[in-house]
């Protein structure tokens, strides 16, 4: 008897879901898919021209030039001694400014 009741409930739910789908009810209230709120005022050619101008002026790096390995970046030598750095680190730890991972 329990099996028959469960089967009837499952069948009823399945049929009601199928009927709702067939009827074309909109349960999303028009929220899906989201609509784009703005539209570009530039043409594709204008965007390409702006990109090429930025590349020519050096404002935009292309390809691998946009990735600078650490060795190629300008580095300034430290003005602090090892002891000064150690003291600053200890002071920061006492002030609770360092993360305590693994403790």
N, C-alpha and C. Protein backbone atom coordinates (compact mmCIF):
# COMPACT_ATOMS: atom_id res chain seq x y z
N UNK A 1 0.82 -1.19 0.00
CA UNK A 1 0.00 0.00 0.00
C UNK A 1 0.87 1.26 0.00
N UNK A 2 1.97 1.23 0.80
CA UNK A 2 2.85 2.39 0.85
C UNK A 2 3.48 2.64 -0.51
N UNK A 3 3.84 1.57 -1.18
CA UNK A 3 4.44 1.68 -2.49
C UNK A 3 3.48 2.34 -3.47
N UNK A 4 2.23 1.95 -3.44
CA UNK A 4 1.23 2.50 -4.35
C UNK A 4 1.02 3.99 -4.07
N UNK A 5 1.01 4.40 -2.79
CA UNK A 5 0.85 5.81 -2.44
C UNK A 5 2.03 6.64 -2.93
N UNK A 6 3.22 6.12 -2.70
CA UNK A 6 4.42 6.84 -3.16
C UNK A 6 4.44 6.97 -4.67
N UNK A 7 4.07 5.90 -5.34
CA UNK A 7 4.04 5.92 -6.79
C UNK A 7 3.02 6.94 -7.30
N UNK A 8 1.88 7.01 -6.64
CA UNK A 8 0.85 7.97 -7.03
C UNK A 8 1.33 9.40 -6.82
N UNK A 9 2.04 9.65 -5.72
CA UNK A 9 2.54 11.00 -5.44
C UNK A 9 3.60 11.39 -6.47
N UNK A 10 4.52 10.49 -6.75
CA UNK A 10 5.57 10.77 -7.72
C UNK A 10 4.97 11.00 -9.10
N UNK A 11 4.00 10.18 -9.47
CA UNK A 11 3.36 10.33 -10.78
C UNK A 11 2.61 11.67 -10.87
N UNK A 12 1.95 12.06 -9.78
CA UNK A 12 1.22 13.33 -9.77
C UNK A 12 2.17 14.51 -9.92
N UNK A 13 3.29 14.46 -9.20
CA UNK A 13 4.27 15.54 -9.30
C UNK A 13 4.88 15.61 -10.71
N UNK A 14 5.17 14.46 -11.26
CA UNK A 14 5.75 14.42 -12.60
C UNK A 14 4.76 14.96 -13.63
N UNK A 15 3.52 14.59 -13.51
CA UNK A 15 2.51 15.06 -14.46
C UNK A 15 2.28 16.56 -14.32
N UNK A 16 2.27 17.06 -13.08
CA UNK A 16 2.05 18.50 -12.89
C UNK A 16 3.23 19.31 -13.43
N UNK A 17 4.45 18.78 -13.27
CA UNK A 17 5.62 19.46 -13.81
C UNK A 17 5.57 19.47 -15.34
N UNK A 18 5.18 18.36 -15.92
CA UNK A 18 5.07 18.28 -17.37
C UNK A 18 3.98 19.20 -17.90
N UNK A 19 2.88 19.28 -17.17
CA UNK A 19 1.77 20.15 -17.59
C UNK A 19 2.18 21.62 -17.50
N UNK A 20 2.90 21.97 -16.46
CA UNK A 20 3.35 23.36 -16.32
C UNK A 20 4.31 23.72 -17.44
N UNK A 21 5.17 22.79 -17.80
CA UNK A 21 6.13 23.03 -18.88
C UNK A 21 5.39 23.15 -20.21
N UNK A 22 4.42 22.31 -20.42
CA UNK A 22 3.67 22.33 -21.67
C UNK A 22 2.83 23.58 -21.80
N UNK A 23 2.35 24.10 -20.67
CA UNK A 23 1.50 25.28 -20.70
C UNK A 23 2.31 26.54 -20.97
N UNK A 24 3.62 26.46 -20.80
CA UNK A 24 4.47 27.62 -21.08
C UNK A 24 4.46 28.65 -19.97
N UNK A 25 4.22 28.25 -18.75
CA UNK A 25 4.25 29.18 -17.63
C UNK A 25 5.66 29.74 -17.47
N UNK A 26 5.73 31.00 -17.15
CA UNK A 26 7.03 31.64 -16.94
C UNK A 26 7.24 31.82 -15.45
N UNK A 27 8.05 30.94 -14.85
CA UNK A 27 8.30 31.01 -13.42
C UNK A 27 9.47 31.93 -13.08
N UNK A 28 10.12 32.48 -14.10
CA UNK A 28 11.27 33.34 -13.86
C UNK A 28 10.89 34.81 -13.81
N UNK A 29 9.67 35.14 -14.08
CA UNK A 29 9.18 36.53 -14.09
C UNK A 29 10.01 37.41 -15.01
N UNK A 30 10.48 36.83 -16.08
CA UNK A 30 11.23 37.60 -17.06
C UNK A 30 12.63 37.97 -16.62
N UNK A 31 13.18 37.30 -15.60
CA UNK A 31 14.51 37.64 -15.10
C UNK A 31 15.62 36.87 -15.79
N UNK A 32 15.32 35.91 -16.62
CA UNK A 32 16.36 35.12 -17.25
C UNK A 32 16.16 35.10 -18.75
N UNK A 33 17.10 35.26 -19.55
CA UNK A 33 18.48 35.67 -19.25
C UNK A 33 18.53 37.16 -19.00
N UNK A 34 19.55 37.63 -18.27
CA UNK A 34 19.64 39.07 -18.00
C UNK A 34 19.91 39.84 -19.29
N UNK A 35 19.29 40.97 -19.40
CA UNK A 35 19.46 41.78 -20.61
C UNK A 35 20.60 42.77 -20.41
N UNK A 36 21.32 43.02 -21.46
CA UNK A 36 22.40 44.01 -21.41
C UNK A 36 21.77 45.39 -21.31
N UNK A 37 22.24 46.17 -20.36
CA UNK A 37 21.67 47.48 -20.12
C UNK A 37 22.23 48.56 -21.04
N UNK A 38 23.45 48.37 -21.52
CA UNK A 38 24.06 49.41 -22.34
C UNK A 38 24.46 48.86 -23.70
N UNK A 39 24.65 49.76 -24.61
CA UNK A 39 25.05 49.40 -25.96
C UNK A 39 26.23 50.28 -26.34
N UNK A 40 27.22 49.72 -26.98
CA UNK A 40 28.39 50.47 -27.38
C UNK A 40 28.02 51.46 -28.47
N UNK A 41 28.66 52.62 -28.40
CA UNK A 41 28.42 53.64 -29.43
C UNK A 41 29.51 53.63 -30.48
N UNK A 42 30.54 52.78 -30.27
CA UNK A 42 31.64 52.69 -31.22
C UNK A 42 31.47 51.49 -32.13
N UNK A 43 31.94 51.65 -33.35
CA UNK A 43 31.91 50.51 -34.28
C UNK A 43 33.12 49.63 -34.02
N UNK A 44 33.10 48.45 -34.60
CA UNK A 44 34.22 47.52 -34.44
C UNK A 44 35.51 48.13 -35.01
N UNK A 45 35.38 48.81 -36.13
CA UNK A 45 36.55 49.43 -36.77
C UNK A 45 37.13 50.53 -35.88
N UNK A 46 36.27 51.29 -35.21
CA UNK A 46 36.76 52.35 -34.32
C UNK A 46 37.51 51.76 -33.12
N UNK A 47 36.99 50.67 -32.58
CA UNK A 47 37.66 50.03 -31.45
C UNK A 47 39.01 49.49 -31.88
N UNK A 48 39.07 48.86 -33.05
CA UNK A 48 40.34 48.35 -33.56
C UNK A 48 41.34 49.49 -33.77
N UNK A 49 40.87 50.61 -34.29
CA UNK A 49 41.75 51.76 -34.53
C UNK A 49 42.29 52.30 -33.21
N UNK A 50 41.45 52.39 -32.19
CA UNK A 50 41.90 52.85 -30.88
C UNK A 50 42.93 51.90 -30.29
N UNK A 51 42.71 50.61 -30.47
CA UNK A 51 43.67 49.62 -29.96
C UNK A 51 45.01 49.76 -30.65
N UNK A 52 44.99 49.92 -31.95
CA UNK A 52 46.24 50.07 -32.70
C UNK A 52 46.96 51.36 -32.30
N UNK A 53 46.22 52.45 -32.06
CA UNK A 53 46.84 53.71 -31.62
C UNK A 53 47.49 53.52 -30.25
N UNK A 54 46.82 52.82 -29.34
CA UNK A 54 47.38 52.59 -28.00
C UNK A 54 48.65 51.75 -28.08
N UNK A 55 48.66 50.76 -28.97
CA UNK A 55 49.87 49.95 -29.17
C UNK A 55 51.01 50.80 -29.72
N UNK A 56 50.69 51.66 -30.68
CA UNK A 56 51.72 52.49 -31.31
C UNK A 56 52.30 53.49 -30.31
N UNK A 57 51.49 53.97 -29.39
CA UNK A 57 51.95 54.96 -28.41
C UNK A 57 52.58 54.32 -27.18
N UNK A 58 52.59 52.99 -27.14
CA UNK A 58 53.20 52.29 -26.01
C UNK A 58 52.33 52.24 -24.77
N UNK A 59 51.05 52.52 -24.92
CA UNK A 59 50.13 52.48 -23.79
C UNK A 59 49.60 51.08 -23.52
N UNK A 60 49.78 50.21 -24.48
CA UNK A 60 49.26 48.86 -24.39
C UNK A 60 50.34 47.89 -24.87
N UNK A 61 50.70 46.96 -24.02
CA UNK A 61 51.72 45.99 -24.40
C UNK A 61 51.06 44.81 -25.09
N UNK A 62 51.74 44.23 -26.07
CA UNK A 62 51.15 43.11 -26.79
C UNK A 62 51.90 41.82 -26.51
N UNK A 63 51.18 40.72 -26.53
CA UNK A 63 51.78 39.40 -26.40
C UNK A 63 52.54 39.21 -25.11
N UNK A 64 53.74 38.63 -25.22
CA UNK A 64 54.56 38.33 -24.06
C UNK A 64 55.18 39.58 -23.44
N UNK A 65 55.09 40.70 -24.12
CA UNK A 65 55.68 41.93 -23.58
C UNK A 65 54.94 42.39 -22.34
N UNK A 66 53.70 41.95 -22.17
CA UNK A 66 52.93 42.37 -21.00
C UNK A 66 53.35 41.61 -19.75
N UNK A 67 54.12 40.53 -19.92
CA UNK A 67 54.61 39.75 -18.78
C UNK A 67 56.09 40.04 -18.59
N UNK A 68 56.40 40.63 -17.48
CA UNK A 68 57.80 40.90 -17.17
C UNK A 68 58.23 39.99 -16.04
N UNK A 69 59.21 39.12 -16.31
CA UNK A 69 59.70 38.27 -15.23
C UNK A 69 60.38 39.13 -14.17
N UNK A 70 60.50 38.60 -12.99
CA UNK A 70 61.06 39.35 -11.87
C UNK A 70 62.45 39.86 -12.19
N UNK A 71 63.24 39.10 -12.94
CA UNK A 71 64.59 39.52 -13.26
C UNK A 71 64.62 40.74 -14.19
N UNK A 72 63.55 40.96 -14.97
CA UNK A 72 63.51 42.08 -15.90
C UNK A 72 62.91 43.34 -15.27
N UNK A 73 62.26 43.19 -14.14
CA UNK A 73 61.66 44.33 -13.48
C UNK A 73 62.73 45.15 -12.78
N UNK A 74 62.49 46.44 -12.71
CA UNK A 74 63.47 47.29 -12.03
C UNK A 74 63.36 47.06 -10.54
N UNK A 75 64.48 46.75 -9.94
CA UNK A 75 64.51 46.47 -8.51
C UNK A 75 65.42 47.48 -7.83
N UNK A 76 64.96 47.98 -6.71
CA UNK A 76 65.77 48.92 -5.96
C UNK A 76 66.42 48.18 -4.81
N UNK A 77 67.68 48.45 -4.58
CA UNK A 77 68.34 47.77 -3.47
C UNK A 77 67.76 48.22 -2.13
N UNK A 78 67.77 47.32 -1.18
CA UNK A 78 67.24 47.63 0.14
C UNK A 78 68.17 48.60 0.86
N UNK A 79 67.58 49.49 1.62
CA UNK A 79 68.37 50.43 2.42
C UNK A 79 68.45 49.98 3.87
N UNK A 80 67.83 48.85 4.19
CA UNK A 80 67.82 48.34 5.56
C UNK A 80 68.79 47.19 5.71
N UNK A 81 69.35 47.08 6.90
CA UNK A 81 70.22 45.94 7.17
C UNK A 81 69.37 44.73 7.55
N UNK A 82 69.99 43.57 7.59
CA UNK A 82 69.26 42.36 7.99
C UNK A 82 68.69 42.50 9.40
N UNK A 83 69.46 43.10 10.27
CA UNK A 83 69.02 43.27 11.66
C UNK A 83 67.81 44.20 11.75
N UNK A 84 67.79 45.25 10.95
CA UNK A 84 66.65 46.16 10.95
C UNK A 84 65.39 45.45 10.44
N UNK A 85 65.53 44.66 9.41
CA UNK A 85 64.40 43.90 8.87
C UNK A 85 63.89 42.91 9.92
N UNK A 86 64.83 42.23 10.60
CA UNK A 86 64.44 41.27 11.63
C UNK A 86 63.71 41.97 12.77
N UNK A 87 64.19 43.13 13.18
CA UNK A 87 63.54 43.87 14.26
C UNK A 87 62.14 44.33 13.85
N UNK A 88 61.97 44.79 12.61
CA UNK A 88 60.66 45.21 12.13
C UNK A 88 59.69 44.03 12.08
N UNK A 89 60.20 42.87 11.68
CA UNK A 89 59.36 41.67 11.62
C UNK A 89 58.92 41.26 13.02
N UNK A 90 59.83 41.29 13.98
CA UNK A 90 59.48 40.94 15.37
C UNK A 90 58.46 41.93 15.91
N UNK A 91 58.64 43.22 15.64
CA UNK A 91 57.70 44.24 16.12
C UNK A 91 56.32 44.05 15.48
N UNK A 92 56.28 43.72 14.20
CA UNK A 92 55.01 43.49 13.52
C UNK A 92 54.31 42.26 14.10
N UNK A 93 55.10 41.23 14.43
CA UNK A 93 54.52 40.03 15.03
C UNK A 93 53.93 40.32 16.40
N UNK A 94 54.60 41.12 17.20
CA UNK A 94 54.09 41.49 18.52
C UNK A 94 52.84 42.35 18.42
N UNK A 95 52.76 43.16 17.36
CA UNK A 95 51.60 44.03 17.17
C UNK A 95 50.43 43.28 16.54
N UNK A 96 50.63 42.00 16.18
CA UNK A 96 49.56 41.20 15.59
C UNK A 96 49.32 41.50 14.13
N UNK A 97 50.30 42.04 13.45
CA UNK A 97 50.15 42.40 12.04
C UNK A 97 50.52 41.28 11.08
N UNK A 98 51.09 40.19 11.62
CA UNK A 98 51.47 39.07 10.77
C UNK A 98 50.45 37.95 10.90
N UNK A 99 50.22 37.26 9.80
CA UNK A 99 49.33 36.10 9.84
C UNK A 99 50.06 34.96 10.52
N UNK A 100 49.34 34.21 11.31
CA UNK A 100 49.96 33.10 12.04
C UNK A 100 49.51 31.78 11.45
N UNK A 101 49.95 31.50 10.24
CA UNK A 101 49.59 30.25 9.60
C UNK A 101 50.35 29.10 10.22
N UNK A 102 49.66 28.02 10.49
CA UNK A 102 50.28 26.82 11.01
C UNK A 102 50.53 26.83 12.50
N UNK A 103 50.04 27.83 13.18
CA UNK A 103 50.23 27.87 14.64
C UNK A 103 48.97 27.43 15.34
